[in-house]
Amino acid sequence: MMALNNNLDTCAICGGELGDTVLAHDRPDRFERAAGVSEEKYRRAWVGCLSCGSATNRQKPENLRKLRNIAAQYYEVDFSGSDIGAKYSLVMSLPPHKSDNAGRVDRIIAALTRWESLRSSKGALSVLDIGAGTGVFLSRFLGQVPGDWTGVALEPDPHAADHLRSLELFDVKQELFTGQPELHGFKLLTLNKVLEHIQDPKVLLEQVAAAIDPAQGLIYVEVPDVMTIGRRPPTDNILGALHCHLYSPTGLVRLLDRAGLVVLDTGRVFEPSGKLTAFAFATCTEAAERLATRE
């Protein structure tokens, strides 16, 4: 097999040993083609973890470097010049039973209700959505959640950030999350389909843990499920070159634990769009102690 980017034999999610290839690609996807990746001698492979069952995307280093060059044009490639606002309006108009975001909002509001002791009267009810994308989730959440919530959308893509600002529903910061000191004290922090883009997700989650209210904060993480392999076409975006990992629910729990967080709940969802998704709710140790003594 040709040399690929990950020369390590360990899983970045759980630290376990990587095993055999579970899916191989022999031609570039549309993001790779946009980045100038050649079909000649092309190879990319998903390799399974023997411990947690997640999968790592192995790529040639030169192809990864080319992909990084188009990172700021993600939505330009993804929408092929179409209007992000039109996509937002279309998804917002979906009936709840056909909307992935409606299910996501319902899960989170149910969790906030279940763990009411995490949400005392102290401090503002604030949510930070990292990788806000088109803003459908944050718009729906702020429109449905009980209480006087405010939101911050963090989105580095300039086209998406412009669209988010045009909605005038929440604060928008056009930047990557790096643990900025000014982004802290949130009651809720959401990472919807973000971690799969990160080669070392543990570092990001450690920064996320410092951004929530340590006594009352809740984190919601949602990632593509490794069950996607073999159940969606190899050309599906979920299996594309921009994703570093596909998660098992076990792997997601172990990753959150390695980042120093306490997992409160986890599960697997078969979404209306056909996506297979793993999710988890987590919090800091101090907040978990409050739940253990009050519920």
Protein backbone atom coordinates (compact mmCIF):
# COMPACT_ATOMS: atom_id res chain seq x y z
CA MET A 1 0.00 0.00 0.00
CA MET A 2 1.21 3.52 -0.79
CA ALA A 3 2.43 5.75 2.02
CA LEU A 4 -0.43 7.69 3.57
CA ASN A 5 -0.59 10.58 6.01
CA ASN A 6 -1.04 8.70 9.27
CA ASN A 7 2.18 6.83 9.97
CA LEU A 8 1.12 6.16 13.54
CA ASP A 9 -0.58 2.94 14.51
CA THR A 10 -2.77 4.51 17.19
CA CYS A 11 -6.31 5.88 17.04
CA ALA A 12 -6.50 9.63 17.76
CA ILE A 13 -9.96 9.08 19.25
CA CYS A 14 -9.27 6.47 21.93
CA GLY A 15 -5.53 5.79 21.75
CA GLY A 16 -6.10 2.19 20.67
CA GLU A 17 -4.35 0.23 17.92
CA LEU A 18 -5.38 0.76 14.30
CA GLY A 19 -6.06 -2.38 12.29
CA ASP A 20 -7.16 -3.20 8.77
CA THR A 21 -8.55 -1.06 5.96
CA VAL A 22 -12.36 -1.07 6.08
CA LEU A 23 -12.91 1.05 2.97
CA ALA A 24 -10.53 2.11 0.17
CA HIS A 25 -11.01 4.90 -2.40
CA ASP A 26 -9.28 4.82 -5.78
CA ARG A 27 -10.26 8.25 -7.12
CA PRO A 28 -10.39 11.80 -5.66
CA ASP A 29 -13.67 13.25 -4.43
CA ARG A 30 -14.95 16.66 -5.55
CA PHE A 31 -13.12 18.54 -2.80
CA GLU A 32 -9.85 16.88 -3.75
CA ARG A 33 -10.42 17.64 -7.42
CA ALA A 34 -11.09 21.28 -6.52
CA ALA A 35 -7.79 21.27 -4.60
CA GLY A 36 -5.88 19.86 -7.58
CA VAL A 37 -5.39 16.29 -6.36
CA SER A 38 -4.48 14.01 -9.25
CA GLU A 39 -6.11 10.66 -10.05
CA GLU A 40 -2.72 9.20 -10.95
CA LYS A 41 -1.67 6.61 -8.34
CA TYR A 42 -4.40 7.93 -6.06
CA ARG A 43 -5.24 6.08 -2.85
CA ARG A 44 -7.12 6.93 0.32
CA ALA A 45 -8.27 4.46 2.97
CA TRP A 46 -10.41 4.25 6.09
CA VAL A 47 -8.65 2.16 8.75
CA GLY A 48 -10.55 0.68 11.69
CA CYS A 49 -9.58 0.93 15.35
CA LEU A 50 -9.26 -2.44 17.07
CA SER A 51 -10.28 -0.93 20.42
CA CYS A 52 -13.18 1.51 19.95
CA GLY A 53 -14.36 0.54 16.45
CA SER A 54 -14.02 4.05 15.00
CA ALA A 55 -12.20 4.67 11.71
CA THR A 56 -9.34 6.96 10.64
CA ASN A 57 -8.98 8.47 7.16
CA ARG A 58 -5.45 7.86 5.86
CA GLN A 59 -4.25 10.12 3.04
CA LYS A 60 -1.04 11.02 1.26
CA PRO A 61 0.62 14.04 2.95
CA GLU A 62 0.80 16.03 -0.30
CA ASN A 63 -2.94 15.60 -0.84
CA LEU A 64 -3.66 16.79 2.69
CA ARG A 65 -1.59 19.92 2.08
CA LYS A 66 -3.60 20.67 -1.05
CA LEU A 67 -6.87 20.20 0.81
CA ARG A 68 -5.80 22.67 3.50
CA ASN A 69 -5.39 25.29 0.77
CA ILE A 70 -9.13 25.21 0.01
CA ALA A 71 -10.28 25.17 3.64
CA ALA A 72 -11.52 28.75 3.45
CA GLN A 73 -13.56 27.95 0.32
CA TYR A 74 -15.43 24.96 1.75
CA TYR A 75 -18.90 26.32 1.09
CA GLU A 76 -17.94 27.69 -2.30
CA VAL A 77 -17.03 24.15 -3.36
CA ASP A 78 -19.86 22.48 -1.47
CA PHE A 79 -22.61 24.64 -2.95
CA SER A 80 -20.93 25.00 -6.36
CA GLY A 81 -21.82 28.67 -6.56
CA SER A 82 -25.42 28.28 -5.36
CA ASP A 83 -26.83 30.59 -2.73
CA ILE A 84 -26.31 29.66 0.95
CA GLY A 85 -29.33 31.77 1.89
CA ALA A 86 -31.55 29.73 -0.42
CA LYS A 87 -30.26 26.52 1.17
CA TYR A 88 -30.97 27.95 4.63
CA SER A 89 -34.54 28.86 3.67
CA LEU A 90 -35.15 25.44 2.13
CA VAL A 91 -33.91 23.52 5.19
CA MET A 92 -35.73 25.83 7.62
CA SER A 93 -38.99 25.12 5.77
CA LEU A 94 -38.74 21.34 6.18
CA PRO A 95 -41.42 19.77 8.40
CA PRO A 96 -40.00 18.47 11.69
CA HIS A 97 -40.25 14.79 10.72
CA LYS A 98 -38.01 15.45 7.70
CA SER A 99 -35.49 17.73 9.41
CA ASP A 100 -32.25 16.53 11.02
CA ASN A 101 -31.99 19.89 12.78
CA ALA A 102 -35.46 19.62 14.30
CA GLY A 103 -34.47 16.32 15.90
CA ARG A 104 -31.20 17.82 17.11
CA VAL A 105 -32.99 20.77 18.73
CA ASP A 106 -35.52 18.44 20.38
CA ARG A 107 -32.71 16.28 21.83
CA ILE A 108 -30.93 19.27 23.30
CA ILE A 109 -34.02 20.94 24.76
CA ALA A 110 -35.04 17.61 26.32
CA ALA A 111 -31.57 17.34 27.89
CA LEU A 112 -31.73 20.88 29.27
CA THR A 113 -35.11 20.03 30.81
CA ARG A 114 -33.86 16.72 32.21
CA TRP A 115 -30.77 18.25 33.81
CA GLU A 116 -32.46 21.40 35.02
CA SER A 117 -30.04 21.76 37.92
CA LEU A 118 -27.30 22.61 35.41
CA ARG A 119 -29.25 25.72 34.55
CA SER A 120 -29.65 27.83 37.66
CA SER A 121 -30.60 31.50 37.72
CA LYS A 122 -26.93 32.47 37.88
CA GLY A 123 -25.47 33.84 34.67
CA ALA A 124 -26.94 34.40 31.24
CA LEU A 125 -28.48 31.60 29.20
CA SER A 126 -25.97 31.56 26.37
CA VAL A 127 -25.08 29.08 23.64
CA LEU A 128 -21.90 28.87 21.54
CA ASP A 129 -22.29 26.94 18.30
CA ILE A 130 -18.85 26.03 16.93
CA GLY A 131 -18.91 25.54 13.17
CA ALA A 132 -22.35 27.12 12.76
CA GLY A 133 -22.50 26.52 9.00
CA THR A 134 -25.71 27.82 7.46
CA GLY A 135 -27.18 28.66 10.88
CA VAL A 136 -30.22 26.40 10.67
CA PHE A 137 -29.57 24.69 14.00
CA LEU A 138 -28.89 27.87 15.97
CA SER A 139 -31.90 29.64 14.44
CA ARG A 140 -34.21 26.75 15.31
CA PHE A 141 -32.79 26.35 18.80
CA LEU A 142 -33.12 30.02 19.75
CA GLY A 143 -36.64 30.04 18.31
CA GLN A 144 -37.80 27.05 20.35
CA VAL A 145 -35.86 26.87 23.62
CA PRO A 146 -37.70 28.19 26.70
CA GLY A 147 -36.08 31.16 28.39
CA ASP A 148 -34.18 34.23 27.32
CA TRP A 149 -31.27 32.64 25.44
CA THR A 150 -28.63 34.41 23.39
CA GLY A 151 -26.37 32.78 20.84
CA VAL A 152 -22.91 33.09 19.34
CA ALA A 153 -22.20 31.47 15.97
CA LEU A 154 -18.54 30.65 15.34
CA GLU A 155 -17.85 30.07 11.65
CA PRO A 156 -14.50 30.56 9.87
CA ASP A 157 -15.80 30.26 6.30
CA PRO A 158 -16.25 33.82 4.95
CA HIS A 159 -19.24 33.00 2.72
CA ALA A 160 -21.09 31.25 5.53
CA ALA A 161 -20.18 34.00 8.02
CA ASP A 162 -21.61 36.68 5.71
CA HIS A 163 -24.83 34.70 5.44
CA LEU A 164 -25.02 34.22 9.22
CA ARG A 165 -24.63 37.95 9.82
CA SER A 166 -27.45 38.63 7.37
CA LEU A 167 -29.85 36.63 9.57
CA GLU A 168 -29.42 39.10 12.47
CA LEU A 169 -30.49 36.45 14.98
CA PHE A 170 -27.26 35.99 16.95
CA ASP A 171 -23.72 37.23 17.28
CA VAL A 172 -21.34 35.97 14.58
CA LYS A 173 -17.59 35.50 14.92
CA GLN A 174 -15.70 34.66 11.73
CA GLU A 175 -12.88 32.63 13.22
CA LEU A 176 -11.75 29.19 14.30
CA PHE A 177 -12.22 28.10 17.90
CA THR A 178 -8.85 28.02 19.63
CA GLY A 179 -9.92 28.45 23.25
CA GLN A 180 -10.12 32.25 23.03
CA PRO A 181 -10.39 33.75 26.56
CA GLU A 182 -13.34 35.92 25.52
CA LEU A 183 -15.34 32.80 24.59
CA HIS A 184 -16.08 31.32 27.98
CA GLY A 185 -18.83 30.84 30.56
CA PHE A 186 -21.45 29.40 28.16
CA LYS A 187 -24.35 27.38 29.52
CA LEU A 188 -24.43 25.32 26.31
CA LEU A 189 -21.78 24.60 23.72
CA THR A 190 -22.59 22.64 20.56
CA LEU A 191 -20.33 20.86 18.08
CA ASN A 192 -22.58 19.60 15.30
CA LYS A 193 -20.62 17.62 12.68
CA VAL A 194 -17.34 19.38 13.54
CA LEU A 195 -15.04 16.88 15.29
CA GLU A 196 -14.78 14.67 12.20
CA HIS A 197 -12.79 17.49 10.55
CA ILE A 198 -10.19 17.57 13.35
CA GLN A 199 -7.12 15.29 13.24
CA ASP A 200 -6.51 15.59 17.00
CA PRO A 201 -10.00 16.07 18.49
CA LYS A 202 -8.83 15.63 22.08
CA VAL A 203 -7.04 18.99 22.00
CA LEU A 204 -10.16 20.78 20.75
CA LEU A 205 -12.36 19.16 23.40
CA GLU A 206 -9.96 20.19 26.15
CA GLN A 207 -10.35 23.79 24.93
CA VAL A 208 -14.13 23.35 24.76
CA ALA A 209 -14.19 22.14 28.38
CA ALA A 210 -12.65 25.47 29.42
CA ALA A 211 -15.27 27.46 27.50
CA ILE A 212 -18.37 26.30 29.36
CA ASP A 213 -19.60 27.33 32.78
CA PRO A 214 -17.81 24.72 34.96
CA ALA A 215 -20.71 24.44 37.39
CA GLN A 216 -23.63 24.56 34.96
CA GLY A 217 -22.38 24.09 31.40
CA LEU A 218 -23.52 21.39 29.00
CA ILE A 219 -21.73 20.22 25.85
CA TYR A 220 -23.49 18.55 22.91
CA VAL A 221 -21.35 16.71 20.34
CA GLU A 222 -22.61 15.12 17.14
CA VAL A 223 -20.43 13.21 14.66
CA PRO A 224 -20.81 10.90 11.64
CA ASP A 225 -21.22 7.29 12.73
CA VAL A 226 -18.72 4.67 11.53
CA MET A 227 -21.76 2.56 10.58
CA THR A 228 -21.91 4.80 7.50
CA ILE A 229 -19.22 2.59 5.93
CA GLY A 230 -20.94 -0.04 3.82
CA ARG A 231 -24.35 1.59 4.18
CA ARG A 232 -23.84 4.78 2.17
CA PRO A 233 -22.24 5.08 -1.29
CA PRO A 234 -18.43 5.51 -1.27
CA THR A 235 -18.97 8.89 -2.96
CA ASP A 236 -21.03 10.20 -0.02
CA ASN A 237 -19.61 13.40 1.53
CA ILE A 238 -19.50 11.66 4.92
CA LEU A 239 -16.83 9.33 3.52
CA GLY A 240 -14.95 12.16 1.82
CA ALA A 241 -11.41 13.44 2.10
CA LEU A 242 -12.28 16.35 4.40
CA HIS A 243 -13.22 14.02 7.25
CA CYS A 244 -10.43 12.72 9.47
CA HIS A 245 -12.48 10.24 11.51
CA LEU A 246 -15.76 8.36 11.64
CA TYR A 247 -16.91 7.64 15.19
CA SER A 248 -18.47 4.77 17.03
CA PRO A 249 -20.54 5.72 20.09
CA THR A 250 -17.91 3.90 22.17
CA GLY A 251 -15.11 5.94 20.60
CA LEU A 252 -16.95 9.21 21.21
CA VAL A 253 -17.41 8.38 24.89
CA ARG A 254 -13.74 7.45 25.28
CA LEU A 255 -12.62 10.64 23.56
CA LEU A 256 -14.72 12.83 25.84
CA ASP A 257 -13.38 10.97 28.85
CA ARG A 258 -9.78 11.45 27.66
CA ALA A 259 -10.48 15.17 27.35
CA GLY A 260 -11.43 15.31 31.03
CA LEU A 261 -15.19 15.54 30.51
CA VAL A 262 -17.98 13.53 32.14
CA VAL A 263 -20.35 11.87 29.67
CA LEU A 264 -24.01 12.15 30.69
CA ASP A 265 -25.67 10.42 27.75
CA THR A 266 -24.83 9.02 24.34
CA GLY A 267 -26.65 7.42 21.45
CA ARG A 268 -26.99 6.66 17.76
CA VAL A 269 -29.49 8.30 15.41
CA PHE A 270 -30.72 7.36 11.95
CA GLU A 271 -31.63 10.79 10.66
CA PRO A 272 -34.38 11.78 8.20
CA SER A 273 -31.72 12.76 5.63
CA GLY A 274 -30.31 9.23 5.75
CA LYS A 275 -27.24 10.20 7.77
CA LEU A 276 -26.05 7.86 10.51
CA THR A 277 -25.01 9.88 13.54
CA ALA A 278 -23.44 9.31 16.96
CA PHE A 279 -24.07 11.92 19.68
CA ALA A 280 -23.17 12.61 23.29
CA PHE A 281 -23.91 15.06 26.08
CA ALA A 282 -21.06 15.86 28.45
CA THR A 283 -20.13 18.31 31.17
CA CYS A 284 -17.32 19.24 33.54
CA THR A 285 -16.62 17.35 36.77
CA GLU A 286 -18.01 20.15 38.95
CA ALA A 287 -21.32 20.18 37.08
CA ALA A 288 -21.52 16.38 37.19
CA GLU A 289 -21.10 16.53 40.96
CA ARG A 290 -24.06 18.93 41.14
CA LEU A 291 -26.18 16.47 39.17
CA ALA A 292 -25.08 13.56 41.36
CA THR A 293 -26.10 15.34 44.56
CA ARG A 294 -29.26 17.12 43.38
CA GLU A 295 -31.01 14.56 41.19
